[in-house]
């Protein structure tokens, strides 16, 4: 007997689509500042950006040490103005990266919460399935039924949180 192909997507296809839609929504819901920060962080993390800086600094050093006579020296050694420019750039790049990381952390937290909810639902479904399986096995008088049926007990999430919290070692400072 062959099954007719279903027009419905496979469960994993729907899951992939749902998670993709959530990620697209997260990108779409960014503030203007987050969008700009992401763009700048993305640009600053490219090899072209690094290469441009290498050429910029090399050009600055060559021109400001007097190697090119056509360019007036306006920032002689120890290159105080260059230090100011580099410091300001570092400050602003750090801020843009922090803004982008904060947004990505929020999205990661959301995915973590989603993962926790799915795991809790799966655990509840597994517990119900085991209870049903044990009830069927008892009804059918299956021999050698395991005496330890603790997996079929309901899991207390607050107790688990307490247990996990008591086993986690706090960092020492």
N, C-alpha and C. Protein backbone atom coordinates (compact mmCIF):
# COMPACT_ATOMS: atom_id res chain seq x y z
N UNK A 1 0.85 -1.17 0.00
CA UNK A 1 0.00 0.00 0.00
C UNK A 1 0.89 1.24 0.00
N UNK A 2 0.72 2.08 -0.98
CA UNK A 2 1.51 3.31 -1.05
C UNK A 2 0.67 4.48 -0.60
N UNK A 3 1.36 5.39 0.05
CA UNK A 3 0.66 6.59 0.53
C UNK A 3 0.71 7.66 -0.54
N UNK A 4 -0.38 8.34 -0.66
CA UNK A 4 -0.42 9.47 -1.57
C UNK A 4 0.36 10.62 -0.95
N UNK A 5 1.15 11.35 -1.75
CA UNK A 5 1.88 12.48 -1.17
C UNK A 5 0.90 13.55 -0.67
N UNK A 6 1.21 14.09 0.45
CA UNK A 6 0.37 15.10 1.07
C UNK A 6 0.76 16.49 0.57
N UNK A 7 -0.21 17.36 0.46
CA UNK A 7 0.07 18.75 0.09
C UNK A 7 0.57 19.56 1.27
N UNK A 8 0.43 18.97 2.46
CA UNK A 8 0.88 19.67 3.65
C UNK A 8 2.40 19.58 3.76
N UNK A 9 3.02 20.65 4.24
CA UNK A 9 4.47 20.57 4.42
C UNK A 9 4.81 19.64 5.58
N UNK A 10 5.98 19.04 5.50
CA UNK A 10 6.44 18.19 6.60
C UNK A 10 6.60 19.08 7.84
N UNK A 11 6.46 18.49 9.04
CA UNK A 11 6.57 19.31 10.26
C UNK A 11 7.86 20.11 10.34
N UNK A 12 8.98 19.51 9.94
CA UNK A 12 10.24 20.24 10.02
C UNK A 12 10.26 21.42 9.04
N UNK A 13 9.58 21.26 7.89
CA UNK A 13 9.51 22.38 6.94
C UNK A 13 8.74 23.55 7.55
N UNK A 14 7.64 23.24 8.23
CA UNK A 14 6.86 24.31 8.88
C UNK A 14 7.67 24.95 10.00
N UNK A 15 8.41 24.13 10.77
CA UNK A 15 9.23 24.67 11.85
C UNK A 15 10.31 25.60 11.31
N UNK A 16 10.97 25.16 10.24
CA UNK A 16 12.00 25.99 9.63
C UNK A 16 11.40 27.30 9.15
N UNK A 17 10.24 27.21 8.54
CA UNK A 17 9.56 28.41 8.05
C UNK A 17 9.17 29.34 9.20
N UNK A 18 8.64 28.76 10.27
CA UNK A 18 8.23 29.58 11.42
C UNK A 18 9.43 30.28 12.07
N UNK A 19 10.53 29.55 12.26
CA UNK A 19 11.72 30.15 12.86
C UNK A 19 12.30 31.22 11.94
N UNK A 20 12.32 30.93 10.64
CA UNK A 20 12.78 31.93 9.67
C UNK A 20 11.94 33.18 9.70
N UNK A 21 10.62 33.02 9.80
CA UNK A 21 9.72 34.18 9.88
C UNK A 21 9.98 34.97 11.16
N UNK A 22 10.26 34.27 12.26
CA UNK A 22 10.56 34.97 13.51
C UNK A 22 11.85 35.77 13.37
N UNK A 23 12.85 35.20 12.72
CA UNK A 23 14.12 35.92 12.53
C UNK A 23 13.92 37.13 11.62
N UNK A 24 13.15 36.96 10.55
CA UNK A 24 12.87 38.09 9.65
C UNK A 24 12.12 39.18 10.40
N UNK A 25 11.15 38.78 11.23
CA UNK A 25 10.39 39.77 12.01
C UNK A 25 11.32 40.51 12.97
N UNK A 26 12.27 39.77 13.58
CA UNK A 26 13.23 40.40 14.48
C UNK A 26 14.10 41.41 13.76
N UNK A 27 14.52 41.09 12.55
CA UNK A 27 15.33 42.04 11.76
C UNK A 27 14.48 43.23 11.34
N UNK A 28 13.23 42.97 10.98
CA UNK A 28 12.34 44.04 10.53
C UNK A 28 11.97 44.99 11.67
N UNK A 29 11.86 44.44 12.88
CA UNK A 29 11.44 45.24 14.03
C UNK A 29 12.58 46.03 14.68
N UNK A 30 13.77 46.00 14.09
CA UNK A 30 14.88 46.76 14.65
C UNK A 30 14.59 48.25 14.57
N UNK A 31 15.08 48.97 15.56
CA UNK A 31 14.97 50.43 15.52
C UNK A 31 15.94 50.96 14.47
N UNK A 32 15.79 52.21 14.11
CA UNK A 32 16.70 52.81 13.13
C UNK A 32 18.14 52.76 13.65
N UNK A 33 18.33 53.04 14.94
CA UNK A 33 19.66 52.99 15.53
C UNK A 33 20.26 51.60 15.47
N UNK A 34 19.44 50.57 15.75
CA UNK A 34 19.93 49.20 15.67
C UNK A 34 20.28 48.82 14.23
N UNK A 35 19.47 49.28 13.30
CA UNK A 35 19.74 49.00 11.88
C UNK A 35 21.08 49.62 11.47
N UNK A 36 21.29 50.86 11.87
CA UNK A 36 22.55 51.56 11.55
C UNK A 36 23.72 50.86 12.24
N UNK A 37 23.54 50.51 13.51
CA UNK A 37 24.61 49.82 14.25
C UNK A 37 24.97 48.49 13.60
N UNK A 38 23.95 47.74 13.18
CA UNK A 38 24.22 46.47 12.52
C UNK A 38 24.98 46.68 11.21
N UNK A 39 24.59 47.71 10.47
CA UNK A 39 25.27 47.98 9.19
C UNK A 39 26.73 48.37 9.43
N UNK A 40 26.96 49.24 10.40
CA UNK A 40 28.33 49.68 10.69
C UNK A 40 29.16 48.52 11.25
N UNK A 41 28.58 47.75 12.14
CA UNK A 41 29.30 46.59 12.70
C UNK A 41 29.63 45.59 11.59
N UNK A 42 28.68 45.39 10.70
CA UNK A 42 28.93 44.48 9.58
C UNK A 42 30.03 44.97 8.68
N UNK A 43 30.04 46.27 8.41
CA UNK A 43 31.08 46.86 7.57
C UNK A 43 32.44 46.78 8.26
N UNK A 44 32.47 47.09 9.55
CA UNK A 44 33.73 47.13 10.30
C UNK A 44 34.35 45.74 10.46
N UNK A 45 33.57 44.70 10.25
CA UNK A 45 34.10 43.35 10.44
C UNK A 45 34.52 42.70 9.12
N UNK A 46 34.74 43.52 8.09
CA UNK A 46 35.13 42.96 6.79
C UNK A 46 36.64 43.13 6.56
N UNK A 47 37.21 42.25 5.77
CA UNK A 47 38.62 42.41 5.41
C UNK A 47 38.88 43.73 4.67
N UNK A 48 37.93 44.19 3.88
CA UNK A 48 38.11 45.45 3.15
C UNK A 48 38.28 46.62 4.12
N UNK A 49 37.52 46.61 5.22
CA UNK A 49 37.62 47.66 6.23
C UNK A 49 39.02 47.64 6.86
N UNK A 50 39.50 46.46 7.16
CA UNK A 50 40.84 46.32 7.74
C UNK A 50 41.89 46.80 6.75
N UNK A 51 41.76 46.40 5.52
CA UNK A 51 42.72 46.79 4.49
C UNK A 51 42.70 48.31 4.28
N UNK A 52 41.51 48.90 4.29
CA UNK A 52 41.42 50.36 4.15
C UNK A 52 42.14 51.05 5.30
N UNK A 53 42.03 50.51 6.50
CA UNK A 53 42.73 51.10 7.65
C UNK A 53 44.24 50.96 7.52
N UNK A 54 44.69 49.83 7.03
CA UNK A 54 46.13 49.64 6.83
C UNK A 54 46.65 50.70 5.88
N UNK A 55 45.95 50.89 4.75
CA UNK A 55 46.39 51.90 3.78
C UNK A 55 46.28 53.32 4.35
N UNK A 56 45.20 53.59 5.09
CA UNK A 56 45.02 54.91 5.68
C UNK A 56 46.16 55.24 6.65
N UNK A 57 46.44 54.30 7.56
CA UNK A 57 47.50 54.54 8.55
C UNK A 57 48.87 54.61 7.89
N UNK A 58 49.10 53.76 6.92
CA UNK A 58 50.39 53.80 6.22
C UNK A 58 50.54 55.15 5.50
N UNK A 59 49.47 55.59 4.83
CA UNK A 59 49.51 56.89 4.15
C UNK A 59 49.74 58.02 5.13
N UNK A 60 49.05 57.96 6.27
CA UNK A 60 49.21 59.00 7.29
C UNK A 60 50.66 59.06 7.76
N UNK A 61 51.22 57.90 8.09
CA UNK A 61 52.59 57.85 8.60
C UNK A 61 53.59 58.32 7.54
N UNK A 62 53.38 57.90 6.30
CA UNK A 62 54.30 58.31 5.22
C UNK A 62 54.23 59.82 4.99
N UNK A 63 53.01 60.36 4.95
CA UNK A 63 52.89 61.80 4.67
C UNK A 63 53.29 62.66 5.86
N UNK A 64 53.02 62.21 7.07
CA UNK A 64 53.27 63.04 8.24
C UNK A 64 54.69 62.89 8.81
N UNK A 65 55.47 62.00 8.23
CA UNK A 65 56.88 61.92 8.61
C UNK A 65 57.77 62.64 7.60
N UNK A 66 57.16 63.29 6.62
CA UNK A 66 57.91 64.08 5.65
C UNK A 66 58.43 63.32 4.46
N UNK A 67 58.00 62.08 4.26
CA UNK A 67 58.47 61.29 3.13
C UNK A 67 57.90 61.78 1.81
N UNK A 68 56.75 62.46 1.87
CA UNK A 68 56.13 63.02 0.67
C UNK A 68 56.17 64.54 0.82
N UNK A 69 57.01 65.17 0.03
CA UNK A 69 57.23 66.61 0.19
C UNK A 69 56.05 67.46 -0.28
N UNK A 70 55.18 66.91 -1.11
CA UNK A 70 54.03 67.67 -1.60
C UNK A 70 52.92 67.83 -0.57
N UNK A 71 52.93 67.02 0.46
CA UNK A 71 51.89 67.06 1.49
C UNK A 71 52.43 67.77 2.73
N UNK A 72 51.73 68.82 3.16
CA UNK A 72 52.22 69.54 4.35
C UNK A 72 52.04 68.67 5.60
N UNK A 73 52.97 68.78 6.51
CA UNK A 73 52.90 68.04 7.77
C UNK A 73 52.04 68.85 8.75
N UNK A 74 50.89 68.29 9.09
CA UNK A 74 50.01 68.97 10.05
C UNK A 74 49.87 68.17 11.35
N UNK A 75 50.37 66.95 11.36
CA UNK A 75 50.32 66.11 12.57
C UNK A 75 51.66 65.40 12.74
N UNK A 76 52.70 66.14 13.17
CA UNK A 76 54.02 65.53 13.29
C UNK A 76 54.05 64.50 14.43
N UNK A 77 55.09 63.67 14.39
CA UNK A 77 55.30 62.69 15.46
C UNK A 77 55.21 63.40 16.80
N UNK A 78 54.47 62.93 17.76
CA UNK A 78 53.91 61.60 18.00
C UNK A 78 52.48 61.42 17.49
N UNK A 79 52.08 62.15 16.46
CA UNK A 79 50.79 61.97 15.77
C UNK A 79 49.59 62.12 16.72
N UNK A 80 49.52 63.25 17.37
CA UNK A 80 48.46 63.51 18.34
C UNK A 80 47.08 63.51 17.70
N UNK A 81 46.95 64.12 16.54
CA UNK A 81 45.65 64.16 15.88
C UNK A 81 45.22 62.76 15.43
N UNK A 82 46.16 61.97 14.93
CA UNK A 82 45.86 60.59 14.53
C UNK A 82 45.37 59.80 15.75
N UNK A 83 46.02 60.01 16.88
CA UNK A 83 45.61 59.32 18.11
C UNK A 83 44.17 59.69 18.47
N UNK A 84 43.83 60.98 18.33
CA UNK A 84 42.46 61.43 18.61
C UNK A 84 41.48 60.76 17.67
N UNK A 85 41.79 60.74 16.38
CA UNK A 85 40.89 60.15 15.39
C UNK A 85 40.69 58.66 15.67
N UNK A 86 41.78 57.95 15.92
CA UNK A 86 41.70 56.50 16.18
C UNK A 86 40.92 56.24 17.47
N UNK A 87 41.13 57.05 18.49
CA UNK A 87 40.41 56.87 19.76
C UNK A 87 38.91 57.08 19.57
N UNK A 88 38.54 58.13 18.86
CA UNK A 88 37.12 58.38 18.61
C UNK A 88 36.49 57.27 17.79
N UNK A 89 37.21 56.81 16.78
CA UNK A 89 36.69 55.71 15.97
C UNK A 89 36.49 54.47 16.83
N UNK A 90 37.44 54.17 17.69
CA UNK A 90 37.33 52.99 18.56
C UNK A 90 36.14 53.11 19.50
N UNK A 91 35.93 54.30 20.03
CA UNK A 91 34.79 54.50 20.94
C UNK A 91 33.48 54.25 20.20
N UNK A 92 33.33 54.87 19.04
CA UNK A 92 32.07 54.72 18.31
C UNK A 92 31.88 53.31 17.76
N UNK A 93 32.93 52.68 17.28
CA UNK A 93 32.79 51.30 16.81
C UNK A 93 32.40 50.38 17.96
N UNK A 94 32.99 50.61 19.13
CA UNK A 94 32.64 49.80 20.30
C UNK A 94 31.17 49.97 20.65
N UNK A 95 30.68 51.20 20.60
CA UNK A 95 29.27 51.44 20.90
C UNK A 95 28.36 50.76 19.89
N UNK A 96 28.70 50.85 18.60
CA UNK A 96 27.88 50.21 17.57
C UNK A 96 27.87 48.69 17.74
N UNK A 97 29.03 48.13 18.06
CA UNK A 97 29.10 46.68 18.26
C UNK A 97 28.28 46.28 19.49
N UNK A 98 28.35 47.06 20.56
CA UNK A 98 27.57 46.75 21.76
C UNK A 98 26.07 46.82 21.49
N UNK A 99 25.64 47.81 20.73
CA UNK A 99 24.22 47.91 20.37
C UNK A 99 23.79 46.68 19.59
N UNK A 100 24.59 46.28 18.62
CA UNK A 100 24.26 45.09 17.81
C UNK A 100 24.26 43.83 18.66
N UNK A 101 25.24 43.70 19.55
CA UNK A 101 25.30 42.52 20.41
C UNK A 101 24.11 42.46 21.37
N UNK A 102 23.69 43.60 21.86
CA UNK A 102 22.54 43.64 22.76
C UNK A 102 21.29 43.16 22.03
N UNK A 103 21.11 43.60 20.80
CA UNK A 103 19.96 43.16 20.00
C UNK A 103 20.03 41.66 19.74
N UNK A 104 21.22 41.17 19.40
CA UNK A 104 21.37 39.74 19.13
C UNK A 104 21.17 38.92 20.40
N UNK A 105 21.57 39.46 21.55
CA UNK A 105 21.35 38.77 22.82
C UNK A 105 19.85 38.65 23.11
N UNK A 106 19.11 39.73 22.84
CA UNK A 106 17.65 39.67 23.03
C UNK A 106 17.04 38.58 22.14
N UNK A 107 17.51 38.49 20.90
CA UNK A 107 16.98 37.48 19.98
C UNK A 107 17.39 36.08 20.45
N UNK A 108 18.60 35.92 20.94
CA UNK A 108 19.05 34.63 21.46
C UNK A 108 18.24 34.24 22.69
N UNK A 109 17.96 35.20 23.55
CA UNK A 109 17.13 34.93 24.73
C UNK A 109 15.74 34.47 24.31
N UNK A 110 15.18 35.11 23.29
CA UNK A 110 13.86 34.73 22.80
C UNK A 110 13.89 33.28 22.28
N UNK A 111 14.93 32.94 21.52
CA UNK A 111 15.05 31.57 21.03
C UNK A 111 15.24 30.58 22.18
N UNK A 112 15.97 31.00 23.21
CA UNK A 112 16.14 30.14 24.39
C UNK A 112 14.83 29.89 25.10
N UNK A 113 14.02 30.94 25.24
CA UNK A 113 12.70 30.78 25.86
C UNK A 113 11.81 29.87 25.02
N UNK A 114 11.87 30.06 23.70
CA UNK A 114 11.10 29.20 22.80
C UNK A 114 11.55 27.75 22.96
N UNK A 115 12.84 27.52 22.99
CA UNK A 115 13.39 26.18 23.15
C UNK A 115 12.93 25.57 24.48
N UNK A 116 12.97 26.35 25.55
CA UNK A 116 12.51 25.87 26.85
C UNK A 116 11.03 25.47 26.80
N UNK A 117 10.20 26.31 26.18
CA UNK A 117 8.77 26.00 26.10
C UNK A 117 8.52 24.72 25.32
N UNK A 118 9.21 24.57 24.20
CA UNK A 118 9.06 23.36 23.39
C UNK A 118 9.51 22.15 24.18
N UNK A 119 10.63 22.26 24.89
CA UNK A 119 11.12 21.14 25.70
C UNK A 119 10.15 20.78 26.82
N UNK A 120 9.57 21.81 27.46
CA UNK A 120 8.60 21.54 28.52
C UNK A 120 7.35 20.85 27.96
N UNK A 121 6.90 21.31 26.79
CA UNK A 121 5.74 20.66 26.16
C UNK A 121 6.07 19.22 25.79
N UNK A 122 7.25 18.99 25.25
CA UNK A 122 7.66 17.63 24.88
C UNK A 122 7.74 16.74 26.12
N UNK A 123 8.23 17.27 27.22
CA UNK A 123 8.32 16.50 28.46
C UNK A 123 6.92 16.16 28.96
N UNK A 124 6.01 17.12 28.90
CA UNK A 124 4.64 16.86 29.35
C UNK A 124 3.96 15.81 28.47
N UNK A 125 4.20 15.91 27.16
CA UNK A 125 3.63 14.93 26.24
C UNK A 125 4.23 13.55 26.49
N UNK A 126 5.54 13.49 26.74
CA UNK A 126 6.19 12.20 27.02
C UNK A 126 5.65 11.58 28.29
N UNK A 127 5.43 12.40 29.31
CA UNK A 127 4.88 11.90 30.58
C UNK A 127 3.48 11.33 30.35
N UNK A 128 2.65 12.06 29.63
CA UNK A 128 1.29 11.57 29.35
C UNK A 128 1.35 10.27 28.55
N UNK A 129 2.27 10.20 27.58
CA UNK A 129 2.41 9.00 26.76
C UNK A 129 2.84 7.81 27.62
N UNK A 130 3.80 8.03 28.53
CA UNK A 130 4.24 6.94 29.40
C UNK A 130 3.12 6.49 30.33
N UNK A 131 2.35 7.43 30.86
CA UNK A 131 1.22 7.06 31.73
C UNK A 131 0.23 6.19 30.95
N UNK A 132 -0.05 6.61 29.73
CA UNK A 132 -0.98 5.85 28.89
C UNK A 132 -0.40 4.47 28.57
N UNK A 133 0.87 4.41 28.27
CA UNK A 133 1.53 3.15 27.95
C UNK A 133 1.50 2.20 29.14
N UNK A 134 1.81 2.71 30.33
CA UNK A 134 1.76 1.87 31.53
C UNK A 134 0.33 1.40 31.80
N UNK A 135 -0.66 2.27 31.59
CA UNK A 135 -2.06 1.88 31.82
C UNK A 135 -2.46 0.78 30.84
N UNK A 136 -2.05 0.91 29.59
CA UNK A 136 -2.36 -0.13 28.59
C UNK A 136 -1.67 -1.43 28.95
N UNK A 137 -0.39 -1.34 29.37
CA UNK A 137 0.36 -2.54 29.73
C UNK A 137 -0.28 -3.24 30.93
N UNK A 138 -0.74 -2.48 31.91
CA UNK A 138 -1.41 -3.07 33.07
C UNK A 138 -2.72 -3.71 32.65
N UNK A 139 -3.48 -3.03 31.79
CA UNK A 139 -4.76 -3.55 31.34
C UNK A 139 -4.57 -4.86 30.55
N UNK A 140 -3.50 -4.93 29.77
CA UNK A 140 -3.24 -6.12 28.99
C UNK A 140 -2.48 -7.17 29.79
N UNK A 141 -2.18 -6.85 31.06
CA UNK A 141 -1.47 -7.75 31.96
C UNK A 141 -0.13 -8.20 31.36
N UNK A 142 0.62 -7.21 30.90
CA UNK A 142 1.94 -7.47 30.34
C UNK A 142 2.85 -7.94 31.47
N UNK A 143 3.50 -9.11 31.27
CA UNK A 143 4.38 -9.61 32.34
C UNK A 143 5.65 -8.77 32.41
N UNK A 144 6.30 -8.80 33.53
CA UNK A 144 7.57 -8.11 33.76
C UNK A 144 7.47 -6.61 33.53
N UNK A 145 6.37 -6.02 33.92
CA UNK A 145 6.20 -4.57 33.82
C UNK A 145 7.18 -3.92 34.78
N UNK A 146 7.96 -2.95 34.34
CA UNK A 146 8.93 -2.33 35.24
C UNK A 146 8.24 -1.77 36.48
N UNK A 147 8.87 -2.04 37.63
CA UNK A 147 8.27 -1.56 38.88
C UNK A 147 8.56 -0.07 39.07
N UNK A 148 9.66 0.40 38.51
CA UNK A 148 10.01 1.81 38.65
C UNK A 148 9.37 2.59 37.49
N UNK A 149 8.31 3.29 37.79
CA UNK A 149 7.61 4.06 36.77
C UNK A 149 7.74 5.55 37.03
N UNK A 150 8.88 5.96 37.59
CA UNK A 150 9.06 7.37 37.95
C UNK A 150 9.08 8.29 36.73
N UNK A 151 9.44 7.77 35.59
CA UNK A 151 9.44 8.62 34.39
C UNK A 151 8.03 9.06 34.03
N UNK A 152 7.04 8.30 34.46
CA UNK A 152 5.66 8.66 34.17
C UNK A 152 5.11 9.68 35.16
N UNK A 153 5.89 10.01 36.20
CA UNK A 153 5.45 11.02 37.16
C UNK A 153 5.55 12.41 36.53
N UNK A 154 4.64 13.28 36.93
CA UNK A 154 4.71 14.66 36.44
C UNK A 154 5.99 15.31 36.95
N UNK A 155 6.60 16.10 36.08
CA UNK A 155 7.83 16.81 36.44
C UNK A 155 7.46 18.17 37.01
N UNK A 156 8.01 18.46 38.18
CA UNK A 156 7.76 19.75 38.81
C UNK A 156 8.84 20.74 38.37
N UNK A 157 8.47 21.66 37.50
CA UNK A 157 9.44 22.64 37.00
C UNK A 157 10.00 23.50 38.14
N UNK A 158 9.17 23.99 39.08
CA UNK A 158 9.74 24.76 40.19
C UNK A 158 10.77 23.98 41.01
N UNK A 159 10.53 22.67 41.22
CA UNK A 159 11.51 21.86 41.95
C UNK A 159 12.79 21.72 41.14
N UNK A 160 12.67 21.53 39.83
CA UNK A 160 13.85 21.44 38.98
C UNK A 160 14.66 22.73 39.03
N UNK A 161 13.97 23.85 38.98
CA UNK A 161 14.66 25.14 39.04
C UNK A 161 15.40 25.27 40.36
N UNK A 162 14.76 24.86 41.45
CA UNK A 162 15.39 24.91 42.77
C UNK A 162 16.61 24.00 42.81
N UNK A 163 16.46 22.77 42.26
CA UNK A 163 17.58 21.83 42.25
C UNK A 163 18.75 22.36 41.43
N UNK A 164 18.44 22.88 40.25
CA UNK A 164 19.50 23.42 39.39
C UNK A 164 20.16 24.62 40.06
N UNK A 165 19.34 25.49 40.65
CA UNK A 165 19.87 26.67 41.32
C UNK A 165 20.78 26.33 42.49
N UNK A 166 20.50 25.24 43.18
CA UNK A 166 21.33 24.88 44.33
C UNK A 166 22.61 24.18 43.91
N UNK A 167 22.68 23.67 42.68
CA UNK A 167 23.90 22.99 42.23
C UNK A 167 24.82 23.90 41.44
N UNK A 168 24.33 25.02 41.00
CA UNK A 168 25.18 25.95 40.25
C UNK A 168 26.07 26.68 41.23
N UNK A 169 27.35 26.65 40.95
CA UNK A 169 28.32 27.30 41.82
C UNK A 169 28.44 28.76 41.38
N UNK A 170 28.24 29.66 42.31
CA UNK A 170 28.37 31.09 42.01
C UNK A 170 29.83 31.43 41.81
N UNK A 171 30.12 32.29 40.83
CA UNK A 171 31.53 32.68 40.62
C UNK A 171 32.05 33.46 41.82
N UNK A 172 33.30 33.20 42.14
CA UNK A 172 33.92 33.93 43.24
C UNK A 172 34.59 35.16 42.70
N UNK A 173 34.54 36.22 43.48
CA UNK A 173 35.18 37.45 42.99
C UNK A 173 36.36 37.81 43.83
